[in-house]
């Protein structure tokens, strides 16, 4: 067969990349073509995504792809982080820059929402973990602060849906990314309209969802002309990056209710979970704050969202601002040389969500918990990594209890696999390969 190429646009909270997959009927060759940085910026009193900059990075990558692969490119699909969104109007205009999930507007809204609908009822309708970043609480913040945006909006699109729309001109709501919102019912496969109505949110913003693999059309003519691409089809992947990552795990067993393997999607976040053949919406899941998100092929990803490399990323950013330009390898080496198991903090503590000075925030938590205060760069990084490993280990034990067996293998996927020190810490803490 003729060589065919598919493009993946993989967007994360700290960066994006364009990857080509070339298949000649026998061999699949993956190649990273372009990489660019991403991150939230302060604007108008909120933390927002530089969506224009993000889109510019995508276009730059598509130009590189067109130059390298000529007319062999057949399709393109986009995956991103979950929960964040924006709206488009009836006239197909983007209503506003997407606000970052780390913005402070959702503080306290879990408790406020429970005064309207109980935690149990919300969980039964959505099967989702309760964290303030969820789309549901972002929408409730808009209803409180900027109801005019909800009035002007015609449709809600998650971040990958927005990029697919910009590429093709076609609107879509893909199922795996919809499942991150706490507005979606994993058991019915539809939006949780009854719940949304009880919260006073307009249900007409939520349109029917599409499955991974759905072809929504060709890229727009102006995009093809600008980038040099031909008639490339836009095909929905598992648009939540973790859904696509889990689909790539080299596990031979099909999804079941009692799997023997689990996964950790390790990046800015650490998502610890198992792939099941159906949602697990039980009181035990609610008590342990686990979530049911959609997977590729109709599966369910039972998981918990934990802090991943965010702590180290923000430490590095803080040190860069003071003129210390450590790279990742240097920071990991300094951590490896530091004395182990001196200080373990709660990596999910609210003070670590978006501090101005992450190293200082880590030191303050150590002091508050009467533990040794890390006094060097390496000690701070080691504290961050060991704290993440400890949280992951505890979560794996909880996951064992929910599925009714000790899962013997852990597959780690995502950019965090490059941090071999953290991977070894997780293996040691959990006593699993």
Protein backbone atom coordinates (compact mmCIF):
# COMPACT_ATOMS: atom_id res chain seq x y z
CA UNK A 1 0.00 0.00 0.00
CA UNK A 2 1.02 3.61 -0.48
CA UNK A 3 2.53 5.31 2.53
CA UNK A 4 -0.17 7.12 4.52
CA UNK A 5 0.36 9.69 7.26
CA UNK A 6 -1.88 10.78 10.14
CA UNK A 7 -1.13 13.83 12.27
CA UNK A 8 -1.69 14.07 16.02
CA UNK A 9 -1.95 17.49 17.65
CA UNK A 10 -1.14 16.80 21.31
CA UNK A 11 -1.76 19.83 23.52
CA UNK A 12 -0.88 19.90 27.21
CA UNK A 13 -0.96 22.45 29.98
CA UNK A 14 2.76 23.22 29.56
CA UNK A 15 3.30 22.65 25.85
CA UNK A 16 2.07 21.30 22.55
CA UNK A 17 3.50 19.12 19.82
CA UNK A 18 2.66 17.82 16.37
CA UNK A 19 3.45 14.13 15.78
CA UNK A 20 3.20 12.22 12.51
CA UNK A 21 2.35 8.56 12.23
CA UNK A 22 3.43 7.10 8.87
CA UNK A 23 2.19 3.62 7.90
CA UNK A 24 3.25 1.67 4.80
CA UNK A 25 1.16 -1.45 5.45
CA UNK A 26 3.90 -3.07 7.50
CA UNK A 27 5.64 -0.53 9.71
CA UNK A 28 4.28 2.40 11.73
CA UNK A 29 6.81 5.22 12.17
CA UNK A 30 6.14 7.97 14.73
CA UNK A 31 8.00 11.28 14.52
CA UNK A 32 7.72 14.49 16.51
CA UNK A 33 7.66 17.32 13.97
CA UNK A 34 7.18 20.44 16.05
CA UNK A 35 7.01 21.44 19.71
CA UNK A 36 6.00 24.69 21.36
CA UNK A 37 5.32 26.03 24.84
CA UNK A 38 1.92 26.64 26.39
CA UNK A 39 0.81 28.11 29.67
CA UNK A 40 -1.80 30.34 31.29
CA UNK A 41 -1.43 34.12 31.45
CA UNK A 42 -3.02 36.71 33.73
CA UNK A 43 -5.57 38.80 31.83
CA UNK A 44 -8.47 40.89 33.09
CA UNK A 45 -8.15 39.57 36.62
CA UNK A 46 -8.26 35.92 35.56
CA UNK A 47 -5.86 33.19 34.57
CA UNK A 48 -6.59 32.42 30.90
CA UNK A 49 -5.07 30.34 28.12
CA UNK A 50 -3.33 32.21 25.31
CA UNK A 51 -5.55 30.49 22.78
CA UNK A 52 -4.33 32.61 19.86
CA UNK A 53 -0.76 31.64 20.71
CA UNK A 54 -1.80 28.01 21.04
CA UNK A 55 -3.48 28.09 17.62
CA UNK A 56 -0.41 29.78 16.14
CA UNK A 57 1.76 26.94 17.44
CA UNK A 58 -0.58 24.40 15.84
CA UNK A 59 -0.42 26.18 12.47
CA UNK A 60 3.39 26.32 12.63
CA UNK A 61 3.44 22.57 13.23
CA UNK A 62 1.09 21.88 10.34
CA UNK A 63 3.37 23.85 8.01
CA UNK A 64 6.30 21.68 9.11
CA UNK A 65 4.18 18.56 8.55
CA UNK A 66 3.13 19.65 5.06
CA UNK A 67 6.74 20.40 4.15
CA UNK A 68 7.97 16.99 5.33
CA UNK A 69 5.16 14.73 4.18
CA UNK A 70 3.81 16.55 1.10
CA UNK A 71 0.45 15.06 0.06
CA UNK A 72 0.71 11.80 2.04
CA UNK A 73 -1.17 13.25 5.02
CA UNK A 74 -4.65 11.74 5.23
CA UNK A 75 -6.06 12.87 8.57
CA UNK A 76 -5.54 14.96 11.67
CA UNK A 77 -6.89 14.75 15.24
CA UNK A 78 -6.43 16.75 18.43
CA UNK A 79 -6.16 15.73 22.08
CA UNK A 80 -5.79 18.04 25.09
CA UNK A 81 -6.17 18.28 28.85
CA UNK A 82 -9.71 18.12 30.24
CA UNK A 83 -12.28 20.41 31.90
CA UNK A 84 -11.51 23.73 30.13
CA UNK A 85 -13.76 25.18 27.44
CA UNK A 86 -15.14 28.23 25.71
CA UNK A 87 -18.27 29.10 23.77
CA UNK A 88 -19.08 29.90 20.18
CA UNK A 89 -21.96 32.08 19.07
CA UNK A 90 -24.69 31.40 16.52
CA UNK A 91 -22.53 33.30 14.02
CA UNK A 92 -19.57 30.96 14.62
CA UNK A 93 -17.49 33.44 16.60
CA UNK A 94 -15.35 32.52 19.59
CA UNK A 95 -16.96 34.24 22.56
CA UNK A 96 -13.96 34.48 24.89
CA UNK A 97 -10.50 33.15 25.67
CA UNK A 98 -10.74 29.86 27.60
CA UNK A 99 -10.14 30.41 31.31
CA UNK A 100 -7.54 28.14 32.93
CA UNK A 101 -8.76 25.54 35.41
CA UNK A 102 -6.29 26.96 37.96
CA UNK A 103 -8.11 30.31 38.06
CA UNK A 104 -9.46 31.20 41.50
CA UNK A 105 -13.06 31.73 40.35
CA UNK A 106 -14.19 28.25 41.40
CA UNK A 107 -12.93 28.42 45.00
CA UNK A 108 -15.65 27.30 47.40
CA UNK A 109 -18.10 26.28 44.68
CA UNK A 110 -18.14 22.58 45.53
CA UNK A 111 -19.68 23.42 48.89
CA UNK A 112 -22.03 26.00 47.34
CA UNK A 113 -23.18 23.45 44.74
CA UNK A 114 -23.93 20.87 47.42
CA UNK A 115 -26.41 23.31 48.95
CA UNK A 116 -28.38 23.01 45.68
CA UNK A 117 -27.82 19.34 44.77
CA UNK A 118 -26.35 16.82 47.20
CA UNK A 119 -22.94 15.31 46.61
CA UNK A 120 -24.51 11.85 46.31
CA UNK A 121 -27.00 12.97 43.66
CA UNK A 122 -24.31 14.76 41.66
CA UNK A 123 -22.04 11.71 41.77
CA UNK A 124 -24.85 9.33 40.80
CA UNK A 125 -25.59 11.52 37.77
CA UNK A 126 -21.99 12.01 36.63
CA UNK A 127 -19.70 9.46 38.34
CA UNK A 128 -17.02 12.13 38.56
CA UNK A 129 -14.43 13.07 41.15
CA UNK A 130 -15.17 16.26 43.11
CA UNK A 131 -12.46 18.83 42.34
CA UNK A 132 -13.00 22.55 41.94
CA UNK A 133 -11.47 22.65 38.47
CA UNK A 134 -14.34 20.66 36.94
CA UNK A 135 -16.30 22.29 34.12
CA UNK A 136 -19.45 22.20 36.23
CA UNK A 137 -17.99 24.58 38.81
CA UNK A 138 -16.50 26.80 36.12
CA UNK A 139 -19.99 27.13 34.63
CA UNK A 140 -21.47 27.92 38.03
CA UNK A 141 -18.82 30.63 38.43
CA UNK A 142 -19.88 32.12 35.09
CA UNK A 143 -23.54 31.97 36.11
CA UNK A 144 -22.64 33.93 39.24
CA UNK A 145 -20.14 36.41 37.74
CA UNK A 146 -20.79 36.71 33.99
CA UNK A 147 -24.26 35.41 33.11
CA UNK A 148 -24.22 37.49 29.93
CA UNK A 149 -21.70 35.03 28.46
CA UNK A 150 -24.09 32.14 28.99
CA UNK A 151 -26.86 34.20 27.38
CA UNK A 152 -24.72 35.03 24.32
CA UNK A 153 -23.36 31.49 23.84
CA UNK A 154 -24.79 29.04 21.33
CA UNK A 155 -22.65 25.99 22.13
CA UNK A 156 -20.02 24.89 24.62
CA UNK A 157 -16.88 23.41 23.09
CA UNK A 158 -14.06 21.84 25.07
CA UNK A 159 -10.48 22.76 24.11
CA UNK A 160 -9.98 19.93 21.56
CA UNK A 161 -13.48 20.56 20.19
CA UNK A 162 -12.47 24.20 19.67
CA UNK A 163 -9.33 23.24 17.74
CA UNK A 164 -11.26 20.70 15.63
CA UNK A 165 -13.77 23.48 14.88
CA UNK A 166 -11.02 25.91 13.85
CA UNK A 167 -9.51 23.24 11.61
CA UNK A 168 -12.71 22.12 9.91
CA UNK A 169 -15.43 24.69 10.55
CA UNK A 170 -17.52 21.84 11.99
CA UNK A 171 -18.78 21.71 15.57
CA UNK A 172 -18.47 18.53 17.60
CA UNK A 173 -18.48 17.34 21.21
CA UNK A 174 -16.30 14.25 21.55
CA UNK A 175 -17.29 11.76 24.27
CA UNK A 176 -14.02 11.25 26.18
CA UNK A 177 -13.44 14.98 26.67
CA UNK A 178 -17.13 15.51 27.52
CA UNK A 179 -16.73 12.93 30.28
CA UNK A 180 -14.29 15.19 32.16
CA UNK A 181 -16.86 17.95 32.73
CA UNK A 182 -19.04 16.63 35.60
CA UNK A 183 -21.92 17.54 33.27
CA UNK A 184 -22.01 14.13 31.52
CA UNK A 185 -23.64 10.85 32.55
CA UNK A 186 -21.24 7.93 31.87
CA UNK A 187 -24.00 5.36 32.25
CA UNK A 188 -26.37 6.83 29.66
CA UNK A 189 -23.65 8.30 27.45
CA UNK A 190 -25.56 11.60 27.34
CA UNK A 191 -25.28 14.98 28.99
CA UNK A 192 -26.72 15.06 32.53
CA UNK A 193 -29.47 17.51 31.56
CA UNK A 194 -31.60 16.94 34.65
CA UNK A 195 -28.64 17.84 36.87
CA UNK A 196 -27.76 20.89 34.75
CA UNK A 197 -31.35 22.12 34.98
CA UNK A 198 -31.31 21.83 38.77
CA UNK A 199 -28.21 24.03 38.80
CA UNK A 200 -29.93 26.57 36.56
CA UNK A 201 -27.54 26.01 33.65
CA UNK A 202 -28.79 26.16 30.03
CA UNK A 203 -28.88 22.65 28.57
CA UNK A 204 -29.06 23.87 24.97
CA UNK A 205 -25.33 24.65 25.15
CA UNK A 206 -24.62 20.90 25.21
CA UNK A 207 -25.05 19.03 21.90
CA UNK A 208 -25.00 15.27 21.20
CA UNK A 209 -21.60 13.67 21.64
CA UNK A 210 -19.55 11.86 18.99
CA UNK A 211 -17.35 8.81 19.44
CA UNK A 212 -13.59 8.62 18.79
CA UNK A 213 -13.04 7.76 15.14
CA UNK A 214 -15.81 10.03 13.86
CA UNK A 215 -14.84 11.89 10.66
CA UNK A 216 -16.20 15.45 10.91
CA UNK A 217 -14.98 16.66 7.50
CA UNK A 218 -12.03 18.16 5.64
CA UNK A 219 -9.82 20.95 6.90
CA UNK A 220 -10.96 24.38 5.79
CA UNK A 221 -9.68 25.65 2.45
CA UNK A 222 -7.95 28.64 4.04
CA UNK A 223 -6.11 26.37 6.50
CA UNK A 224 -5.02 24.09 3.66
CA UNK A 225 -3.78 27.09 1.67
CA UNK A 226 -1.97 28.64 4.65
CA UNK A 227 -0.19 25.46 5.74
CA UNK A 228 0.35 23.68 2.42
CA UNK A 229 -1.76 20.69 3.42
CA UNK A 230 -4.00 18.93 0.93
CA UNK A 231 -7.50 17.52 1.44
CA UNK A 232 -6.89 16.29 4.98
CA UNK A 233 -9.77 14.82 6.99
CA UNK A 234 -10.39 15.86 10.60
CA UNK A 235 -11.03 12.67 12.58
CA UNK A 236 -11.84 12.74 16.29
CA UNK A 237 -9.41 10.74 18.45
CA UNK A 238 -9.90 10.11 22.12
CA UNK A 239 -9.81 13.89 22.54
CA UNK A 240 -8.97 13.75 26.24
CA UNK A 241 -5.22 13.18 26.23
CA UNK A 242 -5.44 10.52 28.93
CA UNK A 243 -8.01 8.54 26.93
CA UNK A 244 -5.61 8.41 23.98
CA UNK A 245 -2.65 7.60 26.23
CA UNK A 246 -4.49 4.70 27.88
CA UNK A 247 -5.57 3.37 24.48
CA UNK A 248 -1.86 3.07 23.64
CA UNK A 249 -0.97 1.04 26.76
CA UNK A 250 0.52 -2.30 25.61
CA UNK A 251 -1.82 -4.44 27.72
CA UNK A 252 -3.15 -7.62 26.13
CA UNK A 253 -6.13 -8.21 28.43
CA UNK A 254 -9.43 -6.63 27.34
CA UNK A 255 -11.16 -4.24 29.75
CA UNK A 256 -13.09 -5.99 32.53
CA UNK A 257 -14.58 -5.28 35.94
CA UNK A 258 -11.54 -6.86 37.67
CA UNK A 259 -8.45 -5.92 35.63
CA UNK A 260 -4.95 -7.18 36.43
CA UNK A 261 -3.20 -4.02 35.23
CA UNK A 262 -3.51 -0.33 35.89
CA UNK A 263 -2.00 2.84 34.49
CA UNK A 264 -0.52 6.14 35.55
CA UNK A 265 -0.71 8.97 33.03
CA UNK A 266 2.15 11.08 34.28
CA UNK A 267 2.57 14.71 33.31
CA UNK A 268 1.52 17.96 34.96
CA UNK A 269 -1.08 15.72 36.58
CA UNK A 270 -0.75 12.11 37.71
CA UNK A 271 -3.87 10.22 36.70
CA UNK A 272 -3.97 6.84 38.41
CA UNK A 273 -6.56 4.38 37.18
CA UNK A 274 -7.77 1.19 35.54
CA UNK A 275 -9.66 0.58 32.31
CA UNK A 276 -13.02 -1.09 32.93
CA UNK A 277 -15.75 -2.40 30.68
CA UNK A 278 -18.43 -0.30 32.42
CA UNK A 279 -18.75 2.66 34.83
CA UNK A 280 -18.36 1.98 38.54
CA UNK A 281 -20.68 4.48 40.22
CA UNK A 282 -20.78 3.22 43.79
CA UNK A 283 -20.74 4.70 47.30
CA UNK A 284 -17.19 3.37 47.67
CA UNK A 285 -16.04 5.32 44.61
CA UNK A 286 -17.69 8.44 45.96
CA UNK A 287 -16.10 7.98 49.39
CA UNK A 288 -12.64 7.66 47.83
CA UNK A 289 -13.27 10.49 45.34
CA UNK A 290 -12.64 8.43 42.20
CA UNK A 291 -13.91 9.38 38.77
CA UNK A 292 -15.43 7.58 35.79
CA UNK A 293 -14.19 9.02 32.50
CA UNK A 294 -14.74 7.78 28.97
CA UNK A 295 -12.17 5.69 27.13
CA UNK A 296 -11.59 4.82 23.49
CA UNK A 297 -13.77 1.94 22.31
CA UNK A 298 -16.56 2.62 24.79
CA UNK A 299 -14.50 1.75 27.87
CA UNK A 300 -14.51 3.48 31.25
CA UNK A 301 -11.38 4.85 32.89
CA UNK A 302 -11.82 4.57 36.66
CA UNK A 303 -9.23 6.94 38.07
CA UNK A 304 -8.22 9.63 40.50
CA UNK A 305 -6.57 12.91 39.50
CA UNK A 306 -3.46 13.66 41.55
CA UNK A 307 -0.75 16.27 41.37
CA UNK A 308 2.04 15.17 39.03
CA UNK A 309 5.03 17.17 37.86
CA UNK A 310 3.25 20.47 38.51
CA UNK A 311 5.24 21.04 41.69
CA UNK A 312 8.59 20.66 39.95
CA UNK A 313 7.42 22.61 36.89
CA UNK A 314 6.47 25.54 39.08
CA UNK A 315 9.64 25.29 41.17
CA UNK A 316 11.65 25.51 37.95
CA UNK A 317 9.60 28.51 36.78
CA UNK A 318 10.20 30.24 40.12
CA UNK A 319 13.94 29.62 39.96
CA UNK A 320 14.04 30.85 36.35
CA UNK A 321 12.49 34.14 37.45
CA UNK A 322 15.37 34.56 39.89
CA UNK A 323 17.96 33.84 37.18
CA UNK A 324 18.64 30.16 37.90
CA UNK A 325 18.00 28.34 34.64
CA UNK A 326 18.04 24.71 35.73
CA UNK A 327 17.03 22.19 33.07
CA UNK A 328 15.01 19.07 33.89
CA UNK A 329 18.02 16.75 33.87
CA UNK A 330 19.93 18.99 36.30
CA UNK A 331 17.00 19.20 38.71
CA UNK A 332 16.50 15.44 38.64
CA UNK A 333 20.21 14.85 39.23
CA UNK A 334 20.20 17.22 42.21
CA UNK A 335 17.18 15.40 43.64
CA UNK A 336 18.85 12.02 43.17
CA UNK A 337 21.86 13.23 45.16
CA UNK A 338 19.71 14.49 48.05
CA UNK A 339 18.98 12.44 51.16
CA UNK A 340 15.84 10.32 50.66
CA UNK A 341 12.60 10.27 52.62
CA UNK A 342 13.19 13.34 54.74
CA UNK A 343 9.93 15.18 54.10
CA UNK A 344 6.60 14.08 52.60
CA UNK A 345 3.94 16.73 52.03
CA UNK A 346 0.38 16.61 50.71
CA UNK A 347 1.00 17.22 46.99
CA UNK A 348 -2.66 18.09 46.53
CA UNK A 349 -2.75 20.77 49.24
CA UNK A 350 -4.72 23.89 48.19
CA UNK A 351 -1.68 26.10 48.84
CA UNK A 352 0.10 24.35 45.95
CA UNK A 353 -2.57 25.01 43.31
CA UNK A 354 -1.09 28.28 42.01
CA UNK A 355 1.41 29.84 44.46
CA UNK A 356 3.62 32.75 43.45
CA UNK A 357 6.67 30.94 44.85
CA UNK A 358 6.39 27.14 44.72
CA UNK A 359 9.68 26.32 46.53
CA UNK A 360 8.62 28.55 49.42
CA UNK A 361 5.14 27.00 49.46
CA UNK A 362 6.72 23.55 49.75
CA UNK A 363 8.96 24.70 52.60
CA UNK A 364 6.02 26.24 54.45
CA UNK A 365 4.03 22.99 54.21
CA UNK A 366 7.02 21.08 55.57
CA UNK A 367 7.29 23.49 58.48
CA UNK A 368 3.56 23.37 59.22
CA UNK A 369 3.70 19.55 59.41
CA UNK A 370 6.74 19.60 61.73
CA UNK A 371 9.03 17.93 59.21
CA UNK A 372 12.54 18.89 58.09
CA UNK A 373 12.39 21.95 55.86
CA UNK A 374 14.19 21.26 52.55
CA UNK A 375 17.13 23.65 52.44
CA UNK A 376 18.54 23.14 48.94
CA UNK A 377 17.31 22.96 45.36
CA UNK A 378 17.81 19.19 45.26
CA UNK A 379 16.01 18.70 48.58
CA UNK A 380 13.00 20.73 47.40
CA UNK A 381 12.74 18.71 44.18
CA UNK A 382 13.19 15.42 46.04
CA UNK A 383 10.44 16.40 48.49
CA UNK A 384 8.12 17.18 45.57
CA UNK A 385 8.84 13.91 43.75
CA UNK A 386 8.66 11.68 46.82
CA UNK A 387 5.39 13.32 47.88
CA UNK A 388 3.87 12.58 44.47
CA UNK A 389 5.11 8.98 44.66
CA UNK A 390 3.56 8.55 48.12
CA UNK A 391 0.19 9.88 46.93
CA UNK A 392 0.29 7.60 43.89
CA UNK A 393 1.08 4.56 46.06
CA UNK A 394 -1.87 5.27 48.38
CA UNK A 395 -4.17 5.71 45.40
CA UNK A 396 -3.09 2.39 43.88
CA UNK A 397 -4.09 0.67 47.12
CA UNK A 398 -7.49 2.38 46.99
CA UNK A 399 -7.90 1.31 43.37
CA UNK A 400 -7.13 -2.31 44.31
CA UNK A 401 -9.96 -2.16 46.84
CA UNK A 402 -12.45 -0.77 44.34
CA UNK A 403 -11.81 -3.42 41.65
CA UNK A 404 -11.48 -6.25 44.17
CA UNK A 405 -7.93 -7.41 43.44
CA UNK A 406 -4.30 -6.31 43.67
CA UNK A 407 -3.31 -5.31 40.16
CA UNK A 408 0.08 -6.79 39.45
CA UNK A 409 1.35 -4.40 36.76
CA UNK A 410 1.52 -0.64 36.42
CA UNK A 411 1.92 0.97 33.00
CA UNK A 412 3.20 4.56 33.09
CA UNK A 413 2.44 6.72 30.06
CA UNK A 414 2.81 10.41 29.27
CA UNK A 415 5.72 12.83 29.28
CA UNK A 416 6.56 11.98 32.89
CA UNK A 417 8.01 8.61 31.83
CA UNK A 418 11.18 10.55 30.99
CA UNK A 419 11.69 11.21 34.71
CA UNK A 420 13.15 7.84 35.60
CA UNK A 421 13.76 8.91 39.20
CA UNK A 422 10.07 9.55 39.81
CA UNK A 423 9.08 6.32 38.04
CA UNK A 424 11.46 4.37 40.30
CA UNK A 425 10.11 6.16 43.38
CA UNK A 426 6.57 5.13 42.40
CA UNK A 427 7.66 1.52 41.83
CA UNK A 428 9.46 1.41 45.19
CA UNK A 429 6.62 3.06 47.12
CA UNK A 430 3.95 0.79 45.63
CA UNK A 431 6.09 -2.39 45.48
CA UNK A 432 5.04 -3.06 41.88
CA UNK A 433 6.89 -3.27 38.57
